[in-house]
Amino acid sequence: MEWINLSEETSIETIKKLSSEHPVLIFKHSTRCSISSAALSRLERNWDMEKMSHVKAYYLDLLSYRNISNQIAESFNVHHESPQVLLIKDGECIYHASHMGITFAELAKKC
């Protein structure tokens, strides 16, 4: 799985624009949380590049970039959780999940 690091606030507008061409996944990760690490690992192990090659995947270290995490919550009208995935299409969050509810199977259904 190839992650694009999300470290600039201006990236939110870029993601919205990109999402009109491709689904965009945002994974919000807490590097100090074992549940977040487990959810990330499980997602990466199950990721199927053949099925999901059209998805752009962004990774946010929310401890380093809490301001971006807050901006994501506001921009996409979702309650902040950690870990959390958001699937963005046409500038809108069409799916989000947190903790052990983060699964490749559910994301694949939405894409």
Protein backbone atom coordinates (compact mmCIF):
# COMPACT_ATOMS: atom_id res chain seq x y z
CA MET A 1 0.00 0.00 0.00
CA GLU A 2 1.40 3.38 -0.97
CA TRP A 3 0.52 6.18 1.43
CA ILE A 4 0.65 9.87 0.64
CA ASN A 5 1.62 11.75 3.81
CA LEU A 6 -0.91 14.37 4.78
CA SER A 7 1.04 17.18 6.37
CA GLU A 8 -0.23 20.41 4.79
CA GLU A 9 -3.56 22.08 5.53
CA THR A 10 -3.88 22.96 1.84
CA SER A 11 -4.01 19.23 1.07
CA ILE A 12 -7.67 19.13 2.13
CA GLU A 13 -8.66 21.20 -0.92
CA THR A 14 -6.40 19.02 -3.09
CA ILE A 15 -8.15 15.91 -1.76
CA LYS A 16 -11.57 17.39 -2.51
CA LYS A 17 -10.52 18.11 -6.10
CA LEU A 18 -8.87 14.70 -6.58
CA SER A 19 -11.97 12.97 -5.28
CA SER A 20 -13.93 14.04 -8.35
CA GLU A 21 -11.63 11.79 -10.41
CA HIS A 22 -10.75 9.02 -7.92
CA PRO A 23 -11.97 7.96 -4.49
CA VAL A 24 -9.64 9.26 -1.78
CA LEU A 25 -8.99 7.44 1.48
CA ILE A 26 -7.78 9.29 4.57
CA PHE A 27 -6.40 7.24 7.46
CA LYS A 28 -6.05 9.22 10.70
CA HIS A 29 -3.50 7.45 12.88
CA SER A 30 -2.40 7.96 16.46
CA THR A 31 1.18 6.72 16.69
CA ARG A 32 0.79 6.22 20.47
CA CYS A 33 -2.29 4.02 20.31
CA SER A 34 -2.09 0.23 20.00
CA ILE A 35 -5.62 0.02 18.59
CA SER A 36 -4.69 2.52 15.90
CA SER A 37 -1.57 0.51 15.05
CA ALA A 38 -3.60 -2.70 14.88
CA ALA A 39 -6.24 -1.11 12.61
CA LEU A 40 -3.55 0.29 10.31
CA SER A 41 -1.71 -3.04 10.15
CA ARG A 42 -4.90 -4.96 9.42
CA LEU A 43 -5.88 -2.55 6.66
CA GLU A 44 -2.45 -2.73 5.05
CA ARG A 45 -2.33 -6.55 5.24
CA ASN A 46 -5.73 -6.86 3.55
CA TRP A 47 -5.30 -4.10 0.98
CA ASP A 48 -5.76 -5.46 -2.54
CA MET A 49 -3.90 -3.26 -5.01
CA GLU A 50 -5.71 -4.81 -7.96
CA LYS A 51 -9.13 -3.89 -6.59
CA MET A 52 -8.08 -0.54 -5.17
CA SER A 53 -5.52 0.81 -7.66
CA HIS A 54 -7.85 3.73 -8.42
CA VAL A 55 -7.94 4.88 -4.77
CA LYS A 56 -5.54 7.56 -3.55
CA ALA A 57 -4.61 6.80 0.07
CA TYR A 58 -3.56 9.55 2.48
CA TYR A 59 -2.00 8.93 5.90
CA LEU A 60 -2.29 11.50 8.69
CA ASP A 61 -0.15 11.33 11.83
CA LEU A 62 -2.70 13.13 13.92
CA LEU A 63 -0.38 13.66 16.88
CA SER A 64 1.96 15.69 14.68
CA TYR A 65 -0.80 17.37 12.70
CA ARG A 66 -3.77 17.73 15.02
CA ASN A 67 -4.73 20.96 13.26
CA ILE A 68 -5.21 19.02 10.01
CA SER A 69 -7.25 16.39 11.83
CA ASN A 70 -9.52 19.13 13.15
CA GLN A 71 -9.80 20.62 9.67
CA ILE A 72 -10.77 17.20 8.26
CA ALA A 73 -13.52 16.83 10.86
CA GLU A 74 -14.88 20.28 10.03
CA SER A 75 -14.48 20.05 6.23
CA PHE A 76 -16.17 16.67 5.93
CA ASN A 77 -18.63 17.07 8.82
CA VAL A 78 -17.48 13.99 10.75
CA HIS A 79 -16.80 13.61 14.44
CA HIS A 80 -13.07 13.16 15.13
CA GLU A 81 -12.02 9.68 16.19
CA SER A 82 -8.73 7.84 16.26
CA PRO A 83 -8.01 5.72 14.42
CA GLN A 84 -10.40 6.73 11.69
CA VAL A 85 -10.80 6.26 7.94
CA LEU A 86 -12.76 8.53 5.66
CA LEU A 87 -13.64 7.79 2.06
CA ILE A 88 -14.05 10.94 -0.02
CA LYS A 89 -15.87 11.08 -3.36
CA ASP A 90 -16.84 14.25 -5.23
CA GLY A 91 -15.63 16.38 -2.33
CA GLU A 92 -17.83 14.66 0.25
CA CYS A 93 -17.22 12.02 2.89
CA ILE A 94 -19.34 9.08 1.75
CA TYR A 95 -18.11 6.65 4.42
CA HIS A 96 -16.17 6.75 7.66
CA ALA A 97 -15.30 4.20 10.31
CA SER A 98 -13.16 4.03 13.41
CA HIS A 99 -11.29 1.61 15.60
CA MET A 100 -11.84 -2.05 14.71
CA GLY A 101 -14.72 -1.06 12.42
CA ILE A 102 -12.04 -0.15 9.86
CA THR A 103 -12.02 -3.01 7.35
CA PHE A 104 -10.81 -3.43 3.80
CA ALA A 105 -14.02 -5.29 2.88
CA GLU A 106 -16.23 -2.34 3.84
CA LEU A 107 -14.01 0.17 2.07
CA ALA A 108 -13.96 -1.97 -1.09
CA LYS A 109 -17.77 -2.07 -1.11
CA LYS A 110 -17.92 1.72 -1.09
CA CYS A 111 -15.42 2.18 -3.92
